[in-house]
Amino acid sequence: ISRIMAAPEAEPSAAPHDLTFQLGSFLDRHLIFPLLEFLQEKEIYPLEEIMQAKLSLLYPTNMVDFAMDVYKRLHDTDEVPEGMVERRTQVMDRLKKLDADTAGIRTVLEDAALVEHLRADKAFTMATLEEQHGVAPNSLGLLYEWARFQFECGNYGGAAECLHHYRLLATSPEAAFPAHWGKLAAEILQQSWGPAAEELQRIKEAIEARAQHTPPLMLLQQRCWLMHWALYVFFNTDNGRGALVDLFFQDRYLNAVQTNSPHLLRYMTAALVLSGKRKRQLGPELARVVKQEETNYSDPLTRFVKALNYDADFDAALAELEASKEAVQKDFFLVAYWDELEAAAKSMIFESYCKLHRRIDIATVATKLKMNMDDAERWVVNLVRDAHLDARIDSQEHHVVINSTAPPVYQKVLERTKGLQFRSLVLANTIEQRAAEATAKAAKATAADA
Protein backbone atom coordinates (compact mmCIF):
# COMPACT_ATOMS: atom_id res chain seq x y z
CA ILE A 1 0.00 0.00 0.00
CA SER A 2 1.17 3.53 -0.65
CA ARG A 3 2.88 5.87 1.76
CA ILE A 4 -0.33 7.18 3.31
CA MET A 5 -1.34 3.66 4.42
CA ALA A 6 2.04 2.03 4.98
CA ALA A 7 4.37 4.69 6.31
CA PRO A 8 2.86 8.11 6.94
CA GLU A 9 5.67 8.84 9.35
CA ALA A 10 8.03 9.03 6.37
CA GLU A 11 6.79 12.56 5.66
CA PRO A 12 5.00 13.80 8.79
CA SER A 13 4.72 17.33 7.43
CA ALA A 14 2.30 16.16 4.74
CA ALA A 15 -0.53 15.55 7.21
CA PRO A 16 0.62 15.90 10.83
CA HIS A 17 -2.77 15.13 12.37
CA ASP A 18 -4.01 12.36 10.06
CA LEU A 19 -4.80 9.08 11.86
CA THR A 20 -5.74 7.02 8.81
CA PHE A 21 -2.85 4.60 9.21
CA GLN A 22 -3.39 4.11 12.95
CA LEU A 23 -7.14 3.58 12.51
CA GLY A 24 -6.74 1.37 9.45
CA SER A 25 -4.73 -1.17 11.45
CA PHE A 26 -7.93 -2.04 13.34
CA LEU A 27 -10.48 -1.83 10.52
CA ASP A 28 -11.78 -4.13 7.83
CA ARG A 29 -10.45 -2.95 4.46
CA HIS A 30 -13.98 -2.02 3.33
CA LEU A 31 -14.29 0.34 6.30
CA ILE A 32 -11.14 2.14 5.18
CA PHE A 33 -12.70 3.21 1.87
CA PRO A 34 -14.76 6.04 3.45
CA LEU A 35 -11.58 7.33 5.09
CA LEU A 36 -9.77 7.41 1.74
CA GLU A 37 -12.72 9.15 0.09
CA PHE A 38 -12.54 11.79 2.82
CA LEU A 39 -8.78 12.26 2.34
CA GLN A 40 -9.36 12.65 -1.39
CA GLU A 41 -12.14 15.19 -0.88
CA LYS A 42 -10.02 17.24 1.51
CA GLU A 43 -6.93 16.95 -0.76
CA ILE A 44 -4.82 16.04 2.24
CA TYR A 45 -2.55 13.85 0.11
CA PRO A 46 -1.72 13.89 -3.62
CA LEU A 47 -4.45 12.29 -5.71
CA GLU A 48 -2.04 9.68 -7.10
CA GLU A 49 -1.26 8.38 -3.61
CA ILE A 50 -4.95 8.18 -2.70
CA MET A 51 -5.75 6.25 -5.88
CA GLN A 52 -2.84 3.87 -5.29
CA ALA A 53 -4.07 3.24 -1.74
CA LYS A 54 -7.57 2.54 -3.06
CA LEU A 55 -6.20 0.10 -5.61
CA SER A 56 -4.18 -1.71 -2.95
CA LEU A 57 -7.28 -2.10 -0.80
CA LEU A 58 -9.52 -3.14 -3.70
CA TYR A 59 -7.33 -5.77 -5.25
CA PRO A 60 -7.97 -8.61 -2.73
CA THR A 61 -11.75 -7.96 -2.79
CA ASN A 62 -14.30 -9.10 -5.36
CA MET A 63 -14.93 -5.53 -6.57
CA VAL A 64 -12.80 -6.20 -9.63
CA ASP A 65 -14.64 -3.81 -11.98
CA PHE A 66 -14.16 -1.00 -9.48
CA ALA A 67 -10.46 -1.89 -9.17
CA MET A 68 -10.13 -1.81 -12.96
CA ASP A 69 -11.69 1.67 -13.10
CA VAL A 70 -9.29 2.92 -10.43
CA TYR A 71 -6.32 1.37 -12.26
CA LYS A 72 -7.33 3.03 -15.55
CA ARG A 73 -7.70 6.40 -13.86
CA LEU A 74 -4.45 6.06 -11.95
CA HIS A 75 -2.40 5.12 -15.01
CA ASP A 76 -4.43 7.11 -17.57
CA THR A 77 -5.00 4.09 -19.78
CA ASP A 78 -7.80 1.95 -21.17
CA GLU A 79 -5.86 -1.28 -20.62
CA VAL A 80 -5.65 -3.31 -17.42
CA PRO A 81 -3.12 -6.02 -16.40
CA GLU A 82 -3.88 -9.57 -17.41
CA GLY A 83 -3.93 -10.53 -13.74
CA MET A 84 -6.96 -8.33 -13.13
CA VAL A 85 -8.79 -9.90 -16.07
CA GLU A 86 -8.02 -13.38 -14.71
CA ARG A 87 -9.15 -12.27 -11.28
CA ARG A 88 -12.49 -11.11 -12.70
CA THR A 89 -12.98 -14.49 -14.38
CA GLN A 90 -12.28 -16.29 -11.10
CA VAL A 91 -14.77 -14.07 -9.25
CA MET A 92 -17.50 -14.69 -11.81
CA ASP A 93 -16.92 -18.45 -11.73
CA ARG A 94 -17.08 -18.45 -7.95
CA LEU A 95 -20.26 -16.35 -8.05
CA LYS A 96 -21.98 -18.83 -10.36
CA LYS A 97 -20.99 -21.80 -8.21
CA LEU A 98 -22.07 -20.24 -4.92
CA ASP A 99 -25.29 -19.03 -6.50
CA ALA A 100 -26.15 -22.59 -7.52
CA ASP A 101 -24.99 -24.16 -4.24
CA THR A 102 -27.05 -21.81 -2.06
CA ALA A 103 -30.14 -21.52 -4.25
CA GLY A 104 -32.15 -23.94 -2.10
CA ILE A 105 -31.64 -22.30 1.27
CA ARG A 106 -31.89 -18.78 -0.17
CA THR A 107 -35.24 -19.61 -1.75
CA VAL A 108 -36.58 -20.58 1.66
CA LEU A 109 -35.08 -17.55 3.42
CA GLU A 110 -36.47 -15.14 0.82
CA ASP A 111 -39.99 -16.26 1.77
CA ALA A 112 -40.51 -13.71 4.57
CA ALA A 113 -43.92 -15.15 5.57
CA LEU A 114 -42.48 -18.64 5.91
CA VAL A 115 -39.51 -17.46 7.96
CA GLU A 116 -41.79 -15.45 10.26
CA HIS A 117 -44.07 -18.48 10.71
CA LEU A 118 -41.17 -20.79 11.53
CA ARG A 119 -39.70 -18.31 14.01
CA ALA A 120 -43.09 -17.89 15.70
CA ASP A 121 -43.30 -21.66 16.10
CA LYS A 122 -39.68 -21.79 17.27
CA ALA A 123 -39.00 -24.12 14.35
CA PHE A 124 -36.54 -21.93 12.46
CA THR A 125 -33.71 -24.45 12.64
CA MET A 126 -31.54 -26.27 10.13
CA ALA A 127 -33.16 -29.54 11.15
CA THR A 128 -36.60 -28.24 10.18
CA LEU A 129 -35.33 -26.75 6.92
CA GLU A 130 -33.67 -30.05 6.02
CA GLU A 131 -36.66 -32.23 6.91
CA GLN A 132 -39.52 -30.10 5.63
CA HIS A 133 -38.01 -27.93 2.90
CA GLY A 134 -35.33 -30.09 1.35
CA VAL A 135 -32.40 -27.89 2.31
CA ALA A 136 -29.03 -29.65 2.04
CA PRO A 137 -27.16 -30.35 5.32
CA ASN A 138 -24.13 -28.27 4.27
CA SER A 139 -26.24 -25.27 3.27
CA LEU A 140 -25.56 -23.25 6.43
CA GLY A 141 -21.82 -23.14 5.83
CA LEU A 142 -22.40 -22.29 2.19
CA LEU A 143 -24.79 -19.50 3.23
CA TYR A 144 -21.99 -17.95 5.29
CA GLU A 145 -19.62 -18.21 2.32
CA TRP A 146 -22.26 -16.60 0.10
CA ALA A 147 -22.73 -13.72 2.56
CA ARG A 148 -19.00 -13.18 2.78
CA PHE A 149 -18.69 -13.30 -1.02
CA GLN A 150 -21.47 -10.72 -1.40
CA PHE A 151 -19.76 -8.49 1.16
CA GLU A 152 -16.50 -8.67 -0.79
CA CYS A 153 -18.46 -7.73 -3.94
CA GLY A 154 -19.75 -4.59 -2.22
CA ASN A 155 -23.32 -5.88 -1.87
CA TYR A 156 -23.53 -4.94 1.79
CA GLY A 157 -27.33 -5.11 2.02
CA GLY A 158 -27.45 -8.66 0.70
CA ALA A 159 -24.59 -9.68 2.98
CA ALA A 160 -26.30 -8.22 6.06
CA GLU A 161 -29.54 -10.04 5.29
CA CYS A 162 -27.78 -13.40 4.81
CA LEU A 163 -25.72 -12.96 7.97
CA HIS A 164 -28.88 -12.15 9.92
CA HIS A 165 -30.40 -15.48 8.93
CA TYR A 166 -27.11 -17.28 9.46
CA ARG A 167 -26.89 -16.08 13.07
CA LEU A 168 -30.45 -17.23 13.75
CA LEU A 169 -29.74 -20.69 12.33
CA ALA A 170 -26.27 -21.16 13.83
CA THR A 171 -26.44 -23.23 17.01
CA SER A 172 -22.94 -22.39 18.23
CA PRO A 173 -22.01 -18.95 19.61
CA GLU A 174 -18.52 -19.51 18.23
CA ALA A 175 -19.93 -19.96 14.72
CA ALA A 176 -22.13 -16.86 15.07
CA PHE A 177 -19.35 -14.64 16.43
CA PRO A 178 -17.64 -13.76 13.11
CA ALA A 179 -21.08 -13.22 11.55
CA HIS A 180 -21.70 -10.45 14.12
CA TRP A 181 -18.61 -8.62 12.89
CA GLY A 182 -19.61 -9.05 9.26
CA LYS A 183 -23.10 -7.74 9.87
CA LEU A 184 -21.77 -4.75 11.83
CA ALA A 185 -19.45 -3.83 8.97
CA ALA A 186 -22.26 -4.24 6.43
CA GLU A 187 -24.64 -2.05 8.44
CA ILE A 188 -21.98 0.64 8.86
CA LEU A 189 -21.23 0.70 5.15
CA GLN A 190 -24.96 1.06 4.42
CA GLN A 191 -25.10 3.85 7.02
CA SER A 192 -27.86 1.94 8.84
CA TRP A 193 -26.92 3.37 12.20
CA GLY A 194 -29.78 1.91 14.26
CA PRO A 195 -29.08 -1.74 13.33
CA ALA A 196 -25.34 -1.03 13.56
CA ALA A 197 -25.73 0.21 17.16
CA GLU A 198 -27.68 -2.94 18.06
CA GLU A 199 -25.01 -5.13 16.47
CA LEU A 200 -22.30 -3.24 18.31
CA GLN A 201 -23.95 -4.07 21.62
CA ARG A 202 -24.28 -7.75 20.64
CA ILE A 203 -20.58 -7.94 19.83
CA LYS A 204 -19.63 -6.30 23.12
CA GLU A 205 -21.75 -8.80 25.03
CA ALA A 206 -20.29 -11.69 23.03
CA ILE A 207 -16.71 -10.53 23.69
CA GLU A 208 -17.29 -10.29 27.43
CA ALA A 209 -19.20 -13.60 27.54
CA ARG A 210 -16.21 -15.33 25.92
CA ALA A 211 -13.62 -13.47 28.01
CA GLN A 212 -12.75 -16.37 30.30
CA HIS A 213 -12.00 -18.67 27.38
CA THR A 214 -10.26 -16.14 25.09
CA PRO A 215 -6.47 -15.68 25.20
CA PRO A 216 -5.64 -12.28 26.74
CA LEU A 217 -3.89 -10.97 23.63
CA MET A 218 -6.84 -11.87 21.40
CA LEU A 219 -9.24 -10.35 23.92
CA LEU A 220 -7.25 -7.12 23.87
CA GLN A 221 -7.33 -7.13 20.08
CA GLN A 222 -11.08 -7.72 19.94
CA ARG A 223 -11.79 -4.85 22.32
CA CYS A 224 -9.60 -2.55 20.24
CA TRP A 225 -11.40 -3.60 17.05
CA LEU A 226 -14.73 -2.96 18.73
CA MET A 227 -13.75 0.55 19.80
CA HIS A 228 -12.48 1.47 16.35
CA TRP A 229 -15.53 0.13 14.53
CA ALA A 230 -17.72 1.85 17.11
CA LEU A 231 -16.42 5.27 16.02
CA TYR A 232 -18.59 5.05 12.88
CA VAL A 233 -21.67 4.43 15.02
CA PHE A 234 -21.02 6.80 17.92
CA PHE A 235 -20.33 9.81 15.70
CA ASN A 236 -23.43 9.21 13.58
CA THR A 237 -26.15 8.52 16.18
CA ASP A 238 -28.01 10.62 18.71
CA ASN A 239 -26.35 10.44 22.13
CA GLY A 240 -23.48 8.57 20.49
CA ARG A 241 -20.82 10.71 22.12
CA GLY A 242 -22.17 9.90 25.56
CA ALA A 243 -22.26 6.20 24.64
CA LEU A 244 -18.61 6.43 23.54
CA VAL A 245 -17.66 7.90 26.91
CA ASP A 246 -19.58 5.15 28.72
CA LEU A 247 -17.78 2.41 26.77
CA PHE A 248 -14.25 3.77 26.48
CA PHE A 249 -14.01 4.78 30.14
CA GLN A 250 -14.77 1.29 31.40
CA ASP A 251 -11.59 -0.03 33.01
CA ARG A 252 -11.05 -2.94 30.62
CA TYR A 253 -11.52 -0.74 27.54
CA LEU A 254 -9.50 2.14 28.96
CA ASN A 255 -6.70 -0.36 29.58
CA ALA A 256 -6.98 -1.47 25.94
CA VAL A 257 -6.65 2.14 24.79
CA GLN A 258 -3.54 2.68 26.88
CA THR A 259 -2.00 -0.64 25.89
CA ASN A 260 -2.70 -0.79 22.17
CA SER A 261 -4.54 2.27 20.84
CA PRO A 262 -3.49 5.54 22.51
CA HIS A 263 -4.61 7.48 19.39
CA LEU A 264 -8.20 6.84 20.52
CA LEU A 265 -7.59 9.45 23.22
CA ARG A 266 -8.44 12.05 20.55
CA TYR A 267 -11.96 10.67 20.22
CA MET A 268 -12.36 10.20 23.97
CA THR A 269 -11.49 13.87 24.44
CA ALA A 270 -13.85 15.05 21.71
CA ALA A 271 -16.69 12.87 22.99
CA LEU A 272 -16.16 14.06 26.55
CA VAL A 273 -16.29 17.71 25.51
CA LEU A 274 -19.39 17.14 23.37
CA SER A 275 -21.32 14.89 25.73
CA GLY A 276 -22.53 17.45 28.26
CA LYS A 277 -21.79 18.57 31.78
CA ARG A 278 -22.52 15.26 33.53
CA LYS A 279 -19.91 13.36 31.51
CA ARG A 280 -17.36 16.16 31.81
CA GLN A 281 -16.80 15.19 35.43
CA LEU A 282 -14.51 12.54 33.95
CA GLY A 283 -12.23 15.30 32.65
CA PRO A 284 -9.60 14.96 35.41
CA GLU A 285 -9.44 11.19 34.88
CA LEU A 286 -8.97 11.66 31.14
CA ALA A 287 -6.31 14.30 31.77
CA ARG A 288 -4.47 11.84 34.00
CA VAL A 289 -4.49 9.20 31.24
CA VAL A 290 -3.43 11.76 28.62
CA LYS A 291 -0.53 12.78 30.87
CA GLN A 292 0.56 9.15 31.24
CA GLU A 293 0.37 8.50 27.49
CA GLU A 294 1.76 11.79 26.16
CA THR A 295 5.01 10.13 25.12
CA ASN A 296 3.02 7.58 23.05
CA TYR A 297 0.38 9.90 21.60
CA SER A 298 -0.37 13.59 21.73
CA ASP A 299 -2.33 16.05 19.60
CA PRO A 300 -3.86 19.50 20.20
CA LEU A 301 -7.14 18.03 21.52
CA THR A 302 -5.46 15.79 24.09
CA ARG A 303 -3.14 18.62 25.08
CA PHE A 304 -6.20 20.84 25.52
CA VAL A 305 -7.76 18.55 28.12
CA LYS A 306 -4.38 18.16 29.86
CA ALA A 307 -3.82 21.93 29.99
CA LEU A 308 -7.32 22.52 31.34
CA ASN A 309 -7.80 19.68 33.82
CA TYR A 310 -4.23 18.75 34.78
CA ASP A 311 -2.19 21.94 34.50
CA ALA A 312 -5.01 24.48 35.03
CA ASP A 313 -3.28 26.58 32.37
CA PHE A 314 -6.12 28.46 30.68
CA ASP A 315 -3.94 30.29 28.17
CA ALA A 316 -2.40 27.00 27.05
CA ALA A 317 -5.86 25.41 26.85
CA LEU A 318 -7.09 28.21 24.57
CA ALA A 319 -3.99 27.94 22.41
CA GLU A 320 -4.38 24.17 22.04
CA LEU A 321 -8.08 24.58 21.26
CA GLU A 322 -7.23 26.96 18.45
CA ALA A 323 -4.53 24.58 17.18
CA SER A 324 -6.97 21.65 17.28
CA LYS A 325 -9.09 23.17 14.51
CA GLU A 326 -6.72 21.84 11.86
CA ALA A 327 -6.70 18.35 13.41
CA VAL A 328 -10.48 18.22 13.67
CA GLN A 329 -11.02 19.43 10.11
CA LYS A 330 -8.71 16.66 8.86
CA ASP A 331 -10.52 13.99 10.87
CA PHE A 332 -13.20 11.89 9.18
CA PHE A 333 -15.18 11.39 12.40
CA LEU A 334 -14.87 14.86 13.93
CA VAL A 335 -15.01 17.27 10.99
CA ALA A 336 -18.77 17.83 11.29
CA TYR A 337 -18.48 18.70 15.00
CA TRP A 338 -15.95 21.54 15.00
CA ASP A 339 -18.35 24.41 15.74
CA GLU A 340 -20.08 22.46 18.51
CA LEU A 341 -16.75 21.25 19.86
CA GLU A 342 -15.26 24.73 19.95
CA ALA A 343 -18.27 26.21 21.75
CA ALA A 344 -18.38 23.40 24.31
CA ALA A 345 -14.62 23.62 24.94
CA LYS A 346 -14.80 27.37 25.54
CA SER A 347 -17.64 26.78 27.99
CA MET A 348 -15.47 24.25 29.83
CA ILE A 349 -12.63 26.74 30.04
CA PHE A 350 -14.91 29.47 31.41
CA GLU A 351 -16.52 27.13 33.97
CA SER A 352 -13.11 25.99 35.18
CA TYR A 353 -11.95 29.60 35.35
CA CYS A 354 -14.97 30.48 37.47
CA LYS A 355 -14.04 27.83 40.04
CA LEU A 356 -10.76 29.65 40.73
CA HIS A 357 -11.90 33.29 40.66
CA ARG A 358 -14.57 35.30 42.51
CA ARG A 359 -14.59 38.22 40.07
CA ILE A 360 -13.96 37.96 36.32
CA ASP A 361 -13.44 40.91 33.99
CA ILE A 362 -15.59 40.47 30.88
CA ALA A 363 -13.03 42.48 28.91
CA THR A 364 -10.48 39.77 29.75
CA VAL A 365 -12.92 37.12 28.58
CA ALA A 366 -13.48 39.02 25.34
CA THR A 367 -9.75 39.30 24.73
CA LYS A 368 -9.03 35.64 25.48
CA LEU A 369 -11.91 34.38 23.32
CA LYS A 370 -11.36 36.94 20.57
CA MET A 371 -14.81 38.54 20.88
CA ASN A 372 -15.99 42.12 21.11
CA MET A 373 -17.35 43.32 24.47
CA ASP A 374 -21.04 43.06 23.58
CA ASP A 375 -20.72 39.54 22.17
CA ALA A 376 -18.61 38.46 25.13
CA GLU A 377 -21.16 39.81 27.63
CA ARG A 378 -24.03 38.04 25.87
CA TRP A 379 -22.00 34.85 25.72
CA VAL A 380 -21.22 35.02 29.45
CA VAL A 381 -24.86 35.72 30.35
CA ASN A 382 -26.05 32.75 28.31
CA LEU A 383 -23.37 30.50 29.76
CA VAL A 384 -24.13 31.49 33.35
CA ARG A 385 -27.79 30.75 32.72
CA ASP A 386 -27.31 27.48 30.83
CA ALA A 387 -24.61 26.11 33.15
CA HIS A 388 -26.58 27.11 36.28
CA LEU A 389 -23.58 28.92 37.72
CA ASP A 390 -24.10 30.72 41.00
CA ALA A 391 -23.03 34.09 39.61
CA ARG A 392 -24.31 37.53 38.66
CA ILE A 393 -23.28 40.12 36.09
CA ASP A 394 -22.12 43.55 37.31
CA SER A 395 -23.08 45.60 34.24
CA GLN A 396 -21.50 48.80 35.53
CA GLU A 397 -18.10 47.27 36.21
CA HIS A 398 -18.45 44.72 33.38
CA HIS A 399 -17.55 41.94 35.76
CA VAL A 400 -18.89 38.47 36.48
CA VAL A 401 -19.22 38.05 40.23
CA ILE A 402 -19.04 34.44 41.43
CA ASN A 403 -20.86 33.69 44.67
CA SER A 404 -18.64 31.58 46.87
CA THR A 405 -20.58 28.75 48.48
CA ALA A 406 -19.18 25.62 50.02
CA PRO A 407 -20.52 22.42 48.43
CA PRO A 408 -22.98 20.47 50.58
CA VAL A 409 -21.62 17.55 52.56
CA TYR A 410 -23.71 15.05 50.59
CA GLN A 411 -22.19 16.36 47.37
CA LYS A 412 -18.69 15.74 48.75
CA VAL A 413 -19.70 12.19 49.66
CA LEU A 414 -21.10 11.61 46.15
CA GLU A 415 -17.91 12.89 44.54
CA ARG A 416 -15.68 10.71 46.71
CA THR A 417 -17.70 7.56 46.20
CA LYS A 418 -18.43 8.14 42.50
CA GLY A 419 -17.67 5.00 40.54
CA LEU A 420 -17.25 2.88 43.68
CA GLN A 421 -20.08 0.53 42.72
CA PHE A 422 -18.69 -0.07 39.24
CA ARG A 423 -15.15 -0.63 40.51
CA SER A 424 -16.45 -3.03 43.15
CA LEU A 425 -18.31 -4.98 40.47
CA VAL A 426 -15.17 -5.17 38.32
CA LEU A 427 -13.16 -6.38 41.33
CA ALA A 428 -15.77 -9.02 42.16
CA ASN A 429 -15.83 -10.25 38.56
CA THR A 430 -12.03 -10.46 38.52
CA ILE A 431 -12.02 -12.50 41.74
CA GLU A 432 -14.68 -14.83 40.36
CA GLN A 433 -12.76 -15.26 37.12
CA ARG A 434 -9.53 -16.12 38.92
CA ALA A 435 -11.36 -18.51 41.22
CA ALA A 436 -12.90 -20.26 38.20
CA GLU A 437 -9.49 -20.52 36.55
CA ALA A 438 -7.97 -21.96 39.73
CA THR A 439 -10.80 -24.52 39.99
CA ALA A 440 -10.34 -25.52 36.35
CA LYS A 441 -6.59 -25.97 36.83
CA ALA A 442 -7.17 -28.05 39.94
CA ALA A 443 -9.66 -30.23 38.08
CA LYS A 444 -7.18 -30.78 35.24
CA ALA A 445 -4.41 -31.65 37.71
CA THR A 446 -6.69 -34.13 39.48
CA ALA A 447 -7.66 -35.72 36.16
CA ALA A 448 -4.02 -35.98 35.13
CA ASP A 449 -3.07 -37.68 38.42
CA ALA A 450 -5.97 -40.10 38.03
Foldseek 3Di string as FASTA:
>chain_A
DFCVQPPVVVCCVLAVQDCLNVLVVLDQLVVSVVLLVLCVVVVSDDPLRSLVSVLVSLPVFLQLVVSLVSVCVNVVHPDDDPVSVVSNVVLVVVLVVLCVLQVQVVVQLVPVVNCVVCVVVVNLEPVCCCPPRVRDPCNLVSLLVNLVNCVSNVVLVVSLSSLVSSLVHDPDLVVNLVSLVSNLVSCLVVVVLVVNVVSLVVNVVSLVVCVLVDPPVVSLSSLVSSLSSLLSNLLSDVLSLVVNLVSCPQPVNVVSCQPRNVVCLLSVLLSQLLNDDVSVVCLLVSLVSCVVCVVPDDALSNVLSVCVNPVVPLLSNLVSLVRCLSSQCSDPRRNVCNVVSSLSSLLSSVVSVVVVDQKAALVVVCVSVVHDSVVSLVSVVVSCVVVVFQWDADVVRNMIGHDDDDDDPVVVVCVVCPCVVVVVVVVVVVVVSVVVVVVVVVVVVVVVVD
